[in-house]
């Protein structure tokens, strides 16, 4: 796992998907399995955008949400993607709060929204 301290610039991250500040001070530290994302779709610029829906994997890591699984939360801040997608990276998970569904970088269907009921409010 790459936990070295680095300084990185991602340009402008779009957090307009956040519906409020509620829950942002309590983001959970997680480990991402980058191999669950597609480079050309989810990180063509070399970083994973905030607002990506995540699921908890059997390994205990988190990966891109699949429509048949429970939405665990959303990637809170952008994360630099490693050169080797097998390298896990640290990230922050927004697991409780309000999101604006239409502004998420990956849409979450009605079933996904229902799976997060009680933790995430979709506006």
PDB file of N, CA and C in Angstrom:
ATOM      1  N   UNK A   1       0.840  -1.167   0.000  1.00  0.00           N
ATOM      2  CA  UNK A   1       0.000   0.000   0.000  1.00  0.00           C
ATOM      3  C   UNK A   1       0.888   1.234   0.000  1.00  0.00           C
ATOM      4  N   UNK A   2       0.522   2.198  -0.814  1.00  0.00           N
ATOM      5  CA  UNK A   2       1.280   3.432  -0.900  1.00  0.00           C
ATOM      6  C   UNK A   2       0.735   4.423   0.114  1.00  0.00           C
ATOM      7  N   UNK A   3       1.473   4.658   1.210  1.00  0.00           N
ATOM      8  CA  UNK A   3       1.046   5.624   2.222  1.00  0.00           C
ATOM      9  C   UNK A   3       2.081   6.733   2.403  1.00  0.00           C
ATOM     10  N   UNK A   4       2.964   6.864   1.430  1.00  0.00           N
ATOM     11  CA  UNK A   4       3.979   7.903   1.502  1.00  0.00           C
ATOM     12  C   UNK A   4       3.325   9.282   1.427  1.00  0.00           C
ATOM     13  N   UNK A   5       3.901  10.243   2.144  1.00  0.00           N
ATOM     14  CA  UNK A   5       3.391  11.607   2.109  1.00  0.00           C
ATOM     15  C   UNK A   5       3.860  12.254   0.819  1.00  0.00           C
ATOM     16  N   UNK A   6       2.901  12.790   0.084  1.00  0.00           N
ATOM     17  CA  UNK A   6       3.189  13.415  -1.199  1.00  0.00           C
ATOM     18  C   UNK A   6       2.365  14.680  -1.326  1.00  0.00           C
ATOM     19  N   UNK A   7       2.820  15.563  -2.159  1.00  0.00           N
ATOM     20  CA  UNK A   7       2.031  16.739  -2.492  1.00  0.00           C
ATOM     21  C   UNK A   7       1.585  16.576  -3.934  1.00  0.00           C
ATOM     22  N   UNK A   8       0.296  16.681  -4.165  1.00  0.00           N
ATOM     23  CA  UNK A   8      -0.235  16.495  -5.514  1.00  0.00           C
ATOM     24  C   UNK A   8      -1.242  17.582  -5.821  1.00  0.00           C
ATOM     25  N   UNK A   9      -1.333  17.940  -7.062  1.00  0.00           N
ATOM     26  CA  UNK A   9      -2.311  18.914  -7.520  1.00  0.00           C
ATOM     27  C   UNK A   9      -3.250  18.225  -8.490  1.00  0.00           C
ATOM     28  N   UNK A  10      -4.546  18.303  -8.214  1.00  0.00           N
ATOM     29  CA  UNK A  10      -5.540  17.651  -9.052  1.00  0.00           C
ATOM     30  C   UNK A  10      -6.291  18.651  -9.922  1.00  0.00           C
ATOM     31  N   UNK A  11      -5.895  19.895  -9.864  1.00  0.00           N
ATOM     32  CA  UNK A  11      -6.670  20.901 -10.582  1.00  0.00           C
ATOM     33  C   UNK A  11      -7.911  21.215  -9.772  1.00  0.00           C
ATOM     34  N   UNK A  12      -9.004  21.376 -10.427  1.00  0.00           N
ATOM     35  CA  UNK A  12     -10.257  21.745  -9.765  1.00  0.00           C
ATOM     36  C   UNK A  12     -11.123  20.510  -9.568  1.00  0.00           C
ATOM     37  N   UNK A  13     -11.362  20.126  -8.319  1.00  0.00           N
ATOM     38  CA  UNK A  13     -12.285  19.023  -8.059  1.00  0.00           C
ATOM     39  C   UNK A  13     -13.690  19.591  -7.943  1.00  0.00           C
ATOM     40  N   UNK A  14     -14.657  18.902  -8.503  1.00  0.00           N
ATOM     41  CA  UNK A  14     -16.043  19.357  -8.484  1.00  0.00           C
ATOM     42  C   UNK A  14     -16.801  18.622  -7.388  1.00  0.00           C
ATOM     43  N   UNK A  15     -17.014  19.298  -6.261  1.00  0.00           N
ATOM     44  CA  UNK A  15     -17.784  18.691  -5.174  1.00  0.00           C
ATOM     45  C   UNK A  15     -19.208  19.227  -5.144  1.00  0.00           C
ATOM     46  N   UNK A  16     -19.713  19.648  -6.300  1.00  0.00           N
ATOM     47  CA  UNK A  16     -21.084  20.151  -6.360  1.00  0.00           C
ATOM     48  C   UNK A  16     -22.104  19.042  -6.082  1.00  0.00           C
ATOM     49  N   UNK A  17     -21.647  17.791  -6.045  1.00  0.00           N
ATOM     50  CA  UNK A  17     -22.518  16.659  -5.726  1.00  0.00           C
ATOM     51  C   UNK A  17     -22.889  16.630  -4.246  1.00  0.00           C
ATOM     52  N   UNK A  18     -22.122  17.355  -3.409  1.00  0.00           N
ATOM     53  CA  UNK A  18     -22.440  17.402  -1.984  1.00  0.00           C
ATOM     54  C   UNK A  18     -23.681  18.261  -1.770  1.00  0.00           C
ATOM     55  N   UNK A  19     -24.666  17.714  -1.104  1.00  0.00           N
ATOM     56  CA  UNK A  19     -25.909  18.447  -0.856  1.00  0.00           C
ATOM     57  C   UNK A  19     -25.872  19.293   0.384  1.00  0.00           C
ATOM     58  N   UNK A  20     -24.895  19.053   1.259  1.00  0.00           N
ATOM     59  CA  UNK A  20     -24.732  19.838   2.480  1.00  0.00           C
ATOM     60  C   UNK A  20     -23.381  19.482   3.086  1.00  0.00           C
ATOM     61  N   UNK A  21     -23.026  20.176   4.148  1.00  0.00           N
ATOM     62  CA  UNK A  21     -21.778  19.877   4.843  1.00  0.00           C
ATOM     63  C   UNK A  21     -21.963  18.741   5.850  1.00  0.00           C
ATOM     64  N   UNK A  22     -23.191  18.319   6.055  1.00  0.00           N
ATOM     65  CA  UNK A  22     -23.470  17.259   7.029  1.00  0.00           C
ATOM     66  C   UNK A  22     -22.697  15.986   6.694  1.00  0.00           C
ATOM     67  N   UNK A  23     -21.958  15.480   7.643  1.00  0.00           N
ATOM     68  CA  UNK A  23     -21.208  14.239   7.467  1.00  0.00           C
ATOM     69  C   UNK A  23     -19.802  14.429   6.928  1.00  0.00           C
ATOM     70  N   UNK A  24     -19.488  15.617   6.419  1.00  0.00           N
ATOM     71  CA  UNK A  24     -18.174  15.812   5.802  1.00  0.00           C
ATOM     72  C   UNK A  24     -17.038  15.842   6.821  1.00  0.00           C
ATOM     73  N   UNK A  25     -17.334  16.182   8.056  1.00  0.00           N
ATOM     74  CA  UNK A  25     -16.292  16.214   9.092  1.00  0.00           C
ATOM     75  C   UNK A  25     -16.044  14.837   9.685  1.00  0.00           C
ATOM     76  N   UNK A  26     -16.826  13.849   9.266  1.00  0.00           N
ATOM     77  CA  UNK A  26     -16.705  12.510   9.831  1.00  0.00           C
ATOM     78  C   UNK A  26     -16.441  11.459   8.759  1.00  0.00           C
ATOM     79  N   UNK A  27     -15.763  11.851   7.681  1.00  0.00           N
ATOM     80  CA  UNK A  27     -15.461  10.878   6.623  1.00  0.00           C
ATOM     81  C   UNK A  27     -14.587   9.758   7.186  1.00  0.00           C
ATOM     82  N   UNK A  28     -14.856   8.549   6.760  1.00  0.00           N
ATOM     83  CA  UNK A  28     -14.149   7.359   7.239  1.00  0.00           C
ATOM     84  C   UNK A  28     -12.910   7.098   6.386  1.00  0.00           C
ATOM     85  N   UNK A  29     -11.798   6.768   7.033  1.00  0.00           N
ATOM     86  CA  UNK A  29     -10.588   6.358   6.296  1.00  0.00           C
ATOM     87  C   UNK A  29     -10.790   4.948   5.764  1.00  0.00           C
ATOM     88  N   UNK A  30     -10.505   4.773   4.471  1.00  0.00           N
ATOM     89  CA  UNK A  30     -10.702   3.466   3.833  1.00  0.00           C
ATOM     90  C   UNK A  30      -9.514   3.155   2.924  1.00  0.00           C
ATOM     91  N   UNK A  31      -9.488   1.928   2.446  1.00  0.00           N
ATOM     92  CA  UNK A  31      -8.521   1.509   1.439  1.00  0.00           C
ATOM     93  C   UNK A  31      -9.283   1.179   0.170  1.00  0.00           C
ATOM     94  N   UNK A  32      -8.876   1.798  -0.940  1.00  0.00           N
ATOM     95  CA  UNK A  32      -9.521   1.573  -2.226  1.00  0.00           C
ATOM     96  C   UNK A  32      -8.831   0.465  -3.016  1.00  0.00           C
ATOM     97  N   UNK A  33      -9.623  -0.368  -3.654  1.00  0.00           N
ATOM     98  CA  UNK A  33      -9.129  -1.353  -4.610  1.00  0.00           C
ATOM     99  C   UNK A  33      -9.311  -0.726  -5.985  1.00  0.00           C
ATOM    100  N   UNK A  34      -8.268  -0.113  -6.499  1.00  0.00           N
ATOM    101  CA  UNK A  34      -8.339   0.634  -7.760  1.00  0.00           C
ATOM    102  C   UNK A  34      -8.639  -0.283  -8.939  1.00  0.00           C
ATOM    103  N   UNK A  35      -8.375  -1.569  -8.811  1.00  0.00           N
ATOM    104  CA  UNK A  35      -8.627  -2.494  -9.924  1.00  0.00           C
ATOM    105  C   UNK A  35     -10.116  -2.628 -10.250  1.00  0.00           C
ATOM    106  N   UNK A  36     -11.006  -2.140  -9.366  1.00  0.00           N
ATOM    107  CA  UNK A  36     -12.445  -2.207  -9.631  1.00  0.00           C
ATOM    108  C   UNK A  36     -12.923  -1.055 -10.515  1.00  0.00           C
ATOM    109  N   UNK A  37     -12.043  -0.104 -10.806  1.00  0.00           N
ATOM    110  CA  UNK A  37     -12.370   1.048 -11.641  1.00  0.00           C
ATOM    111  C   UNK A  37     -11.774   0.852 -13.033  1.00  0.00           C
ATOM    112  N   UNK A  38     -12.352   1.494 -14.032  1.00  0.00           N
ATOM    113  CA  UNK A  38     -11.849   1.456 -15.400  1.00  0.00           C
ATOM    114  C   UNK A  38     -11.133   2.767 -15.684  1.00  0.00           C
ATOM    115  N   UNK A  39      -9.858   2.669 -16.061  1.00  0.00           N
ATOM    116  CA  UNK A  39      -9.057   3.874 -16.261  1.00  0.00           C
ATOM    117  C   UNK A  39      -9.696   4.860 -17.227  1.00  0.00           C
ATOM    118  N   UNK A  40     -10.087   4.410 -18.404  1.00  0.00           N
ATOM    119  CA  UNK A  40     -10.635   5.311 -19.425  1.00  0.00           C
ATOM    120  C   UNK A  40     -11.931   5.985 -18.979  1.00  0.00           C
ATOM    121  N   UNK A  41     -12.670   5.347 -18.105  1.00  0.00           N
ATOM    122  CA  UNK A  41     -13.961   5.879 -17.655  1.00  0.00           C
ATOM    123  C   UNK A  41     -13.854   6.645 -16.344  1.00  0.00           C
ATOM    124  N   UNK A  42     -13.161   6.066 -15.342  1.00  0.00           N
ATOM    125  CA  UNK A  42     -13.187   6.613 -13.989  1.00  0.00           C
ATOM    126  C   UNK A  42     -11.980   7.454 -13.595  1.00  0.00           C
ATOM    127  N   UNK A  43     -10.848   7.280 -14.280  1.00  0.00           N
ATOM    128  CA  UNK A  43      -9.684   8.126 -13.956  1.00  0.00           C
ATOM    129  C   UNK A  43      -8.797   8.393 -15.169  1.00  0.00           C
ATOM    130  N   UNK A  44      -9.387   8.929 -16.240  1.00  0.00           N
ATOM    131  CA  UNK A  44      -8.586   9.214 -17.434  1.00  0.00           C
ATOM    132  C   UNK A  44      -7.524  10.286 -17.200  1.00  0.00           C
ATOM    133  N   UNK A  45      -7.736  11.142 -16.209  1.00  0.00           N
ATOM    134  CA  UNK A  45      -6.784  12.210 -15.898  1.00  0.00           C
ATOM    135  C   UNK A  45      -5.779  11.795 -14.823  1.00  0.00           C
ATOM    136  N   UNK A  46      -5.828  10.524 -14.395  1.00  0.00           N
ATOM    137  CA  UNK A  46      -4.875  10.040 -13.406  1.00  0.00           C
ATOM    138  C   UNK A  46      -5.357  10.111 -11.971  1.00  0.00           C
ATOM    139  N   UNK A  47      -6.598  10.542 -11.765  1.00  0.00           N
ATOM    140  CA  UNK A  47      -7.133  10.561 -10.402  1.00  0.00           C
ATOM    141  C   UNK A  47      -8.611  10.174 -10.410  1.00  0.00           C
ATOM    142  N   UNK A  48      -9.033   9.578  -9.302  1.00  0.00           N
ATOM    143  CA  UNK A  48     -10.431   9.206  -9.118  1.00  0.00           C
ATOM    144  C   UNK A  48     -11.165  10.423  -8.576  1.00  0.00           C
ATOM    145  N   UNK A  49     -12.252  10.801  -9.220  1.00  0.00           N
ATOM    146  CA  UNK A  49     -12.996  11.999  -8.834  1.00  0.00           C
ATOM    147  C   UNK A  49     -13.808  11.764  -7.563  1.00  0.00           C
ATOM    148  N   UNK A  50     -13.963  12.824  -6.783  1.00  0.00           N
ATOM    149  CA  UNK A  50     -14.840  12.735  -5.625  1.00  0.00           C
ATOM    150  C   UNK A  50     -16.265  12.500  -6.112  1.00  0.00           C
ATOM    151  N   UNK A  51     -17.060  11.842  -5.277  1.00  0.00           N
ATOM    152  CA  UNK A  51     -18.455  11.565  -5.620  1.00  0.00           C
ATOM    153  C   UNK A  51     -18.690  10.204  -6.242  1.00  0.00           C
ATOM    154  N   UNK A  52     -17.622   9.444  -6.488  1.00  0.00           N
ATOM    155  CA  UNK A  52     -17.823   8.102  -7.039  1.00  0.00           C
ATOM    156  C   UNK A  52     -18.498   7.211  -5.991  1.00  0.00           C
ATOM    157  N   UNK A  53     -19.567   6.486  -6.356  1.00  0.00           N
ATOM    158  CA  UNK A  53     -20.225   5.596  -5.402  1.00  0.00           C
ATOM    159  C   UNK A  53     -19.362   4.359  -5.142  1.00  0.00           C
ATOM    160  N   UNK A  54     -19.272   3.979  -3.868  1.00  0.00           N
ATOM    161  CA  UNK A  54     -18.414   2.865  -3.473  1.00  0.00           C
ATOM    162  C   UNK A  54     -19.203   1.781  -2.764  1.00  0.00           C
ATOM    163  N   UNK A  55     -18.672   0.574  -2.852  1.00  0.00           N
ATOM    164  CA  UNK A  55     -19.210  -0.564  -2.105  1.00  0.00           C
ATOM    165  C   UNK A  55     -18.079  -1.193  -1.307  1.00  0.00           C
ATOM    166  N   UNK A  56     -18.432  -1.869  -0.214  1.00  0.00           N
ATOM    167  CA  UNK A  56     -17.425  -2.592   0.556  1.00  0.00           C
ATOM    168  C   UNK A  56     -17.255  -3.964  -0.072  1.00  0.00           C
ATOM    169  N   UNK A  57     -16.005  -4.322  -0.323  1.00  0.00           N
ATOM    170  CA  UNK A  57     -15.681  -5.596  -0.955  1.00  0.00           C
ATOM    171  C   UNK A  57     -15.444  -6.673   0.103  1.00  0.00           C
ATOM    172  N   UNK A  58     -15.544  -7.959  -0.247  1.00  0.00           N
ATOM    173  CA  UNK A  58     -15.277  -9.037   0.708  1.00  0.00           C
ATOM    174  C   UNK A  58     -13.882  -8.936   1.342  1.00  0.00           C
ATOM    175  N   UNK A  59     -12.944  -8.338   0.641  1.00  0.00           N
ATOM    176  CA  UNK A  59     -11.574  -8.186   1.167  1.00  0.00           C
ATOM    177  C   UNK A  59     -11.491  -7.158   2.283  1.00  0.00           C
ATOM    178  N   UNK A  60     -12.552  -6.363   2.473  1.00  0.00           N
ATOM    179  CA  UNK A  60     -12.533  -5.276   3.454  1.00  0.00           C
ATOM    180  C   UNK A  60     -12.168  -3.948   2.822  1.00  0.00           C
ATOM    181  N   UNK A  61     -11.663  -3.980   1.598  1.00  0.00           N
ATOM    182  CA  UNK A  61     -11.367  -2.753   0.861  1.00  0.00           C
ATOM    183  C   UNK A  61     -12.656  -2.249   0.223  1.00  0.00           C
ATOM    184  N   UNK A  62     -12.569  -1.092  -0.406  1.00  0.00           N
ATOM    185  CA  UNK A  62     -13.723  -0.505  -1.076  1.00  0.00           C
ATOM    186  C   UNK A  62     -13.436  -0.373  -2.559  1.00  0.00           C
ATOM    187  N   UNK A  63     -14.481  -0.560  -3.360  1.00  0.00           N
ATOM    188  CA  UNK A  63     -14.344  -0.459  -4.807  1.00  0.00           C
ATOM    189  C   UNK A  63     -15.556   0.209  -5.401  1.00  0.00           C
ATOM    190  N   UNK A  64     -15.530   0.358  -6.703  1.00  0.00           N
ATOM    191  CA  UNK A  64     -16.642   0.984  -7.420  1.00  0.00           C
ATOM    192  C   UNK A  64     -17.926   0.202  -7.150  1.00  0.00           C
ATOM    193  N   UNK A  65     -18.977   0.925  -6.853  1.00  0.00           N
ATOM    194  CA  UNK A  65     -20.279   0.315  -6.579  1.00  0.00           C
ATOM    195  C   UNK A  65     -20.837  -0.360  -7.824  1.00  0.00           C
ATOM    196  N   UNK A  66     -21.376  -1.555  -7.628  1.00  0.00           N
ATOM    197  CA  UNK A  66     -22.073  -2.296  -8.676  1.00  0.00           C
ATOM    198  C   UNK A  66     -23.557  -2.283  -8.346  1.00  0.00           C
ATOM    199  N   UNK A  67     -24.408  -2.222  -9.344  1.00  0.00           N
ATOM    200  CA  UNK A  67     -25.848  -2.040  -9.119  1.00  0.00           C
ATOM    201  C   UNK A  67     -26.505  -3.122  -8.274  1.00  0.00           C
ATOM    202  N   UNK A  68     -25.877  -4.263  -8.132  1.00  0.00           N
ATOM    203  CA  UNK A  68     -26.476  -5.339  -7.330  1.00  0.00           C
ATOM    204  C   UNK A  68     -26.026  -5.296  -5.870  1.00  0.00           C
ATOM    205  N   UNK A  69     -25.202  -4.340  -5.511  1.00  0.00           N
ATOM    206  CA  UNK A  69     -24.634  -4.272  -4.158  1.00  0.00           C
ATOM    207  C   UNK A  69     -25.156  -3.051  -3.402  1.00  0.00           C
ATOM    208  N   UNK A  70     -24.791  -2.948  -2.134  1.00  0.00           N
ATOM    209  CA  UNK A  70     -25.170  -1.827  -1.286  1.00  0.00           C
ATOM    210  C   UNK A  70     -24.195  -0.678  -1.468  1.00  0.00           C
ATOM    211  N   UNK A  71     -24.718   0.526  -1.602  1.00  0.00           N
ATOM    212  CA  UNK A  71     -23.876   1.717  -1.655  1.00  0.00           C
ATOM    213  C   UNK A  71     -23.359   1.973  -0.243  1.00  0.00           C
ATOM    214  N   UNK A  72     -22.034   1.857  -0.054  1.00  0.00           N
ATOM    215  CA  UNK A  72     -21.431   2.109   1.253  1.00  0.00           C
ATOM    216  C   UNK A  72     -21.257   3.600   1.493  1.00  0.00           C
ATOM    217  N   UNK A  73     -21.118   4.353   0.417  1.00  0.00           N
ATOM    218  CA  UNK A  73     -20.920   5.795   0.505  1.00  0.00           C
ATOM    219  C   UNK A  73     -20.270   6.297  -0.768  1.00  0.00           C
ATOM    220  N   UNK A  74     -19.639   7.467  -0.653  1.00  0.00           N
ATOM    221  CA  UNK A  74     -19.054   8.122  -1.826  1.00  0.00           C
ATOM    222  C   UNK A  74     -17.626   8.558  -1.532  1.00  0.00           C
ATOM    223  N   UNK A  75     -16.802   8.497  -2.551  1.00  0.00           N
ATOM    224  CA  UNK A  75     -15.428   8.970  -2.424  1.00  0.00           C
ATOM    225  C   UNK A  75     -15.495  10.459  -2.111  1.00  0.00           C
ATOM    226  N   UNK A  76     -14.972  10.853  -0.962  1.00  0.00           N
ATOM    227  CA  UNK A  76     -15.138  12.227  -0.486  1.00  0.00           C
ATOM    228  C   UNK A  76     -14.202  13.218  -1.171  1.00  0.00           C
ATOM    229  N   UNK A  77     -12.975  12.829  -1.396  1.00  0.00           N
ATOM    230  CA  UNK A  77     -12.001  13.710  -2.046  1.00  0.00           C
ATOM    231  C   UNK A  77     -11.330  12.960  -3.188  1.00  0.00           C
ATOM    232  N   UNK A  78     -10.770  13.673  -4.158  1.00  0.00           N
ATOM    233  CA  UNK A  78     -10.102  12.976  -5.256  1.00  0.00           C
ATOM    234  C   UNK A  78      -8.879  12.219  -4.761  1.00  0.00           C
ATOM    235  N   UNK A  79      -8.560  11.132  -5.463  1.00  0.00           N
ATOM    236  CA  UNK A  79      -7.432  10.279  -5.087  1.00  0.00           C
ATOM    237  C   UNK A  79      -6.587  10.019  -6.334  1.00  0.00           C
ATOM    238  N   UNK A  80      -5.295  10.194  -6.201  1.00  0.00           N
ATOM    239  CA  UNK A  80      -4.379   9.906  -7.297  1.00  0.00           C
ATOM    240  C   UNK A  80      -4.355   8.399  -7.532  1.00  0.00           C
ATOM    241  N   UNK A  81      -4.570   7.995  -8.767  1.00  0.00           N
ATOM    242  CA  UNK A  81      -4.568   6.576  -9.105  1.00  0.00           C
ATOM    243  C   UNK A  81      -3.125   6.096  -9.265  1.00  0.00           C
ATOM    244  N   UNK A  82      -2.776   4.957  -8.675  1.00  0.00           N
ATOM    245  CA  UNK A  82      -1.418   4.441  -8.823  1.00  0.00           C
ATOM    246  C   UNK A  82      -1.179   3.914 -10.238  1.00  0.00           C
ATOM    247  N   UNK A  83       0.081   3.846 -10.634  1.00  0.00           N
ATOM    248  CA  UNK A  83       0.433   3.321 -11.959  1.00  0.00           C
ATOM    249  C   UNK A  83      -0.048   1.877 -12.109  1.00  0.00           C
ATOM    250  N   UNK A  84       0.060   1.109 -11.023  1.00  0.00           N
ATOM    251  CA  UNK A  84      -0.393  -0.281 -11.026  1.00  0.00           C
ATOM    252  C   UNK A  84      -1.716  -0.354 -10.264  1.00  0.00           C
ATOM    253  N   UNK A  85      -2.850  -0.637 -10.931  1.00  0.00           N
ATOM    254  CA  UNK A  85      -4.140  -0.663 -10.250  1.00  0.00           C
ATOM    255  C   UNK A  85      -4.243  -1.722  -9.151  1.00  0.00           C
ATOM    256  N   UNK A  86      -3.285  -2.628  -9.073  1.00  0.00           N
ATOM    257  CA  UNK A  86      -3.287  -3.619  -7.999  1.00  0.00           C
ATOM    258  C   UNK A  86      -2.790  -3.012  -6.684  1.00  0.00           C
ATOM    259  N   UNK A  87      -2.218  -1.811  -6.751  1.00  0.00           N
ATOM    260  CA  UNK A  87      -1.724  -1.134  -5.550  1.00  0.00           C
ATOM    261  C   UNK A  87      -2.887  -0.454  -4.841  1.00  0.00           C
ATOM    262  N   UNK A  88      -3.214  -0.870  -3.611  1.00  0.00           N
ATOM    263  CA  UNK A  88      -4.305  -0.222  -2.890  1.00  0.00           C
ATOM    264  C   UNK A  88      -3.879   1.177  -2.435  1.00  0.00           C
ATOM    265  N   UNK A  89      -4.837   2.082  -2.348  1.00  0.00           N
ATOM    266  CA  UNK A  89      -4.554   3.446  -1.905  1.00  0.00           C
ATOM    267  C   UNK A  89      -5.531   3.860  -0.813  1.00  0.00           C
ATOM    268  N   UNK A  90      -5.072   4.749   0.052  1.00  0.00           N
ATOM    269  CA  UNK A  90      -5.920   5.295   1.104  1.00  0.00           C
ATOM    270  C   UNK A  90      -6.854   6.347   0.539  1.00  0.00           C
ATOM    271  N   UNK A  91      -8.029   6.460   1.138  1.00  0.00           N
ATOM    272  CA  UNK A  91      -9.027   7.417   0.672  1.00  0.00           C
ATOM    273  C   UNK A  91      -9.962   7.761   1.827  1.00  0.00           C
ATOM    274  N   UNK A  92     -10.915   8.646   1.559  1.00  0.00           N
ATOM    275  CA  UNK A  92     -11.930   9.025   2.549  1.00  0.00           C
ATOM    276  C   UNK A  92     -13.314   8.721   1.983  1.00  0.00           C
ATOM    277  N   UNK A  93     -14.165   8.141   2.817  1.00  0.00           N
ATOM    278  CA  UNK A  93     -15.518   7.740   2.430  1.00  0.00           C
ATOM    279  C   UNK A  93     -16.540   8.607   3.135  1.00  0.00           C
ATOM    280  N   UNK A  94     -17.399   9.268   2.365  1.00  0.00           N
ATOM    281  CA  UNK A  94     -18.555   9.959   2.938  1.00  0.00           C
ATOM    282  C   UNK A  94     -19.645   8.903   3.065  1.00  0.00           C
ATOM    283  N   UNK A  95     -19.924   8.491   4.291  1.00  0.00           N
ATOM    284  CA  UNK A  95     -20.889   7.407   4.483  1.00  0.00           C
ATOM    285  C   UNK A  95     -22.211   7.878   5.077  1.00  0.00           C
ATOM    286  N   UNK A  96     -22.282   9.184   5.371  1.00  0.00           N
ATOM    287  CA  UNK A  96     -23.499   9.732   5.959  1.00  0.00           C
ATOM    288  C   UNK A  96     -23.621  11.187   5.516  1.00  0.00           C
ATOM    289  N   UNK A  97     -24.727  11.551   4.921  1.00  0.00           N
ATOM    290  CA  UNK A  97     -24.918  12.930   4.501  1.00  0.00           C
ATOM    291  C   UNK A  97     -25.931  13.050   3.384  1.00  0.00           C
ATOM    292  N   UNK A  98     -25.862  14.167   2.692  1.00  0.00           N
ATOM    293  CA  UNK A  98     -26.786  14.470   1.595  1.00  0.00           C
ATOM    294  C   UNK A  98     -25.990  14.655   0.314  1.00  0.00           C
ATOM    295  N   UNK A  99     -26.476  14.035  -0.762  1.00  0.00           N
ATOM    296  CA  UNK A  99     -25.831  14.184  -2.066  1.00  0.00           C
ATOM    297  C   UNK A  99     -26.876  14.606  -3.104  1.00  0.00           C
ATOM    298  N   UNK A 100     -26.402  15.281  -4.132  1.00  0.00           N
ATOM    299  CA  UNK A 100     -27.263  15.671  -5.241  1.00  0.00           C
ATOM    300  C   UNK A 100     -27.045  14.636  -6.344  1.00  0.00           C
ATOM    301  N   UNK A 101     -27.996  13.745  -6.491  1.00  0.00           N
ATOM    302  CA  UNK A 101     -27.855  12.593  -7.395  1.00  0.00           C
ATOM    303  C   UNK A 101     -27.496  12.992  -8.822  1.00  0.00           C
ATOM    304  N   UNK A 102     -28.078  14.056  -9.325  1.00  0.00           N
ATOM    305  CA  UNK A 102     -27.841  14.466 -10.711  1.00  0.00           C
ATOM    306  C   UNK A 102     -26.420  14.961 -10.952  1.00  0.00           C
ATOM    307  N   UNK A 103     -25.685  15.267  -9.898  1.00  0.00           N
ATOM    308  CA  UNK A 103     -24.329  15.804 -10.053  1.00  0.00           C
ATOM    309  C   UNK A 103     -23.234  14.783  -9.739  1.00  0.00           C
ATOM    310  N   UNK A 104     -23.610  13.553  -9.432  1.00  0.00           N
ATOM    311  CA  UNK A 104     -22.618  12.508  -9.169  1.00  0.00           C
ATOM    312  C   UNK A 104     -21.901  12.142 -10.463  1.00  0.00           C
ATOM    313  N   UNK A 105     -20.609  11.817 -10.407  1.00  0.00           N
ATOM    314  CA  UNK A 105     -19.892  11.443 -11.630  1.00  0.00           C
ATOM    315  C   UNK A 105     -20.343  10.100 -12.214  1.00  0.00           C
ATOM    316  N   UNK A 106     -20.954   9.255 -11.394  1.00  0.00           N
ATOM    317  CA  UNK A 106     -21.539   7.978 -11.824  1.00  0.00           C
ATOM    318  C   UNK A 106     -22.933   7.920 -11.207  1.00  0.00           C
ATOM    319  N   UNK A 107     -23.947   7.705 -12.015  1.00  0.00           N
ATOM    320  CA  UNK A 107     -25.308   7.711 -11.484  1.00  0.00           C
ATOM    321  C   UNK A 107     -25.571   6.511 -10.583  1.00  0.00           C
ATOM    322  N   UNK A 108     -26.451   6.725  -9.624  1.00  0.00           N
ATOM    323  CA  UNK A 108     -26.876   5.680  -8.691  1.00  0.00           C
ATOM    324  C   UNK A 108     -28.367   5.475  -8.905  1.00  0.00           C
ATOM    325  N   UNK A 109     -28.737   4.257  -9.307  1.00  0.00           N
ATOM    326  CA  UNK A 109     -30.140   3.973  -9.605  1.00  0.00           C
ATOM    327  C   UNK A 109     -30.987   3.895  -8.333  1.00  0.00           C
ATOM    328  N   UNK A 110     -32.295   3.720  -8.516  1.00  0.00           N
ATOM    329  CA  UNK A 110     -33.230   3.688  -7.387  1.00  0.00           C
ATOM    330  C   UNK A 110     -32.874   2.597  -6.381  1.00  0.00           C
ATOM    331  N   UNK A 111     -32.443   1.433  -6.865  1.00  0.00           N
ATOM    332  CA  UNK A 111     -32.056   0.343  -5.962  1.00  0.00           C
ATOM    333  C   UNK A 111     -30.842   0.711  -5.126  1.00  0.00           C
ATOM    334  N   UNK A 112     -29.874   1.366  -5.741  1.00  0.00           N
ATOM    335  CA  UNK A 112     -28.686   1.821  -5.016  1.00  0.00           C
ATOM    336  C   UNK A 112     -29.042   2.873  -3.986  1.00  0.00           C
ATOM    337  N   UNK A 113     -29.942   3.777  -4.357  1.00  0.00           N
ATOM    338  CA  UNK A 113     -30.363   4.809  -3.420  1.00  0.00           C
ATOM    339  C   UNK A 113     -31.094   4.196  -2.233  1.00  0.00           C
ATOM    340  N   UNK A 114     -31.923   3.206  -2.504  1.00  0.00           N
ATOM    341  CA  UNK A 114     -32.635   2.518  -1.422  1.00  0.00           C
ATOM    342  C   UNK A 114     -31.661   1.790  -0.506  1.00  0.00           C
ATOM    343  N   UNK A 115     -30.592   1.213  -1.075  1.00  0.00           N
ATOM    344  CA  UNK A 115     -29.624   0.475  -0.265  1.00  0.00           C
ATOM    345  C   UNK A 115     -28.869   1.375   0.716  1.00  0.00           C
ATOM    346  N   UNK A 116     -28.853   2.679   0.446  1.00  0.00           N
ATOM    347  CA  UNK A 116     -28.151   3.628   1.326  1.00  0.00           C
ATOM    348  C   UNK A 116     -29.109   4.403   2.212  1.00  0.00           C
ATOM    349  N   UNK A 117     -30.390   4.069   2.185  1.00  0.00           N
ATOM    350  CA  UNK A 117     -31.398   4.780   2.975  1.00  0.00           C
ATOM    351  C   UNK A 117     -31.027   4.766   4.457  1.00  0.00           C
ATOM    352  N   UNK A 118     -31.245   5.891   5.103  1.00  0.00           N
ATOM    353  CA  UNK A 118     -30.926   6.012   6.517  1.00  0.00           C
ATOM    354  C   UNK A 118     -29.533   6.574   6.750  1.00  0.00           C
ATOM    355  N   UNK A 119     -28.680   6.520   5.721  1.00  0.00           N
ATOM    356  CA  UNK A 119     -27.316   7.059   5.828  1.00  0.00           C
ATOM    357  C   UNK A 119     -27.102   8.190   4.846  1.00  0.00           C
ATOM    358  N   UNK A 120     -27.622   8.017   3.641  1.00  0.00           N
ATOM    359  CA  UNK A 120     -27.441   9.000   2.572  1.00  0.00           C
ATOM    360  C   UNK A 120     -28.807   9.498   2.132  1.00  0.00           C
ATOM    361  N   UNK A 121     -28.950  10.811   2.059  1.00  0.00           N
ATOM    362  CA  UNK A 121     -30.175  11.416   1.523  1.00  0.00           C
ATOM    363  C   UNK A 121     -29.852  11.877   0.114  1.00  0.00           C
ATOM    364  N   UNK A 122     -30.626  11.407  -0.853  1.00  0.00           N
ATOM    365  CA  UNK A 122     -30.436  11.802  -2.251  1.00  0.00           C
ATOM    366  C   UNK A 122     -31.399  12.917  -2.569  1.00  0.00           C
ATOM    367  N   UNK A 123     -30.856  14.034  -3.024  1.00  0.00           N
ATOM    368  CA  UNK A 123     -31.696  15.193  -3.357  1.00  0.00           C
ATOM    369  C   UNK A 123     -31.760  15.338  -4.861  1.00  0.00           C
TER     370      UNK A 123
END
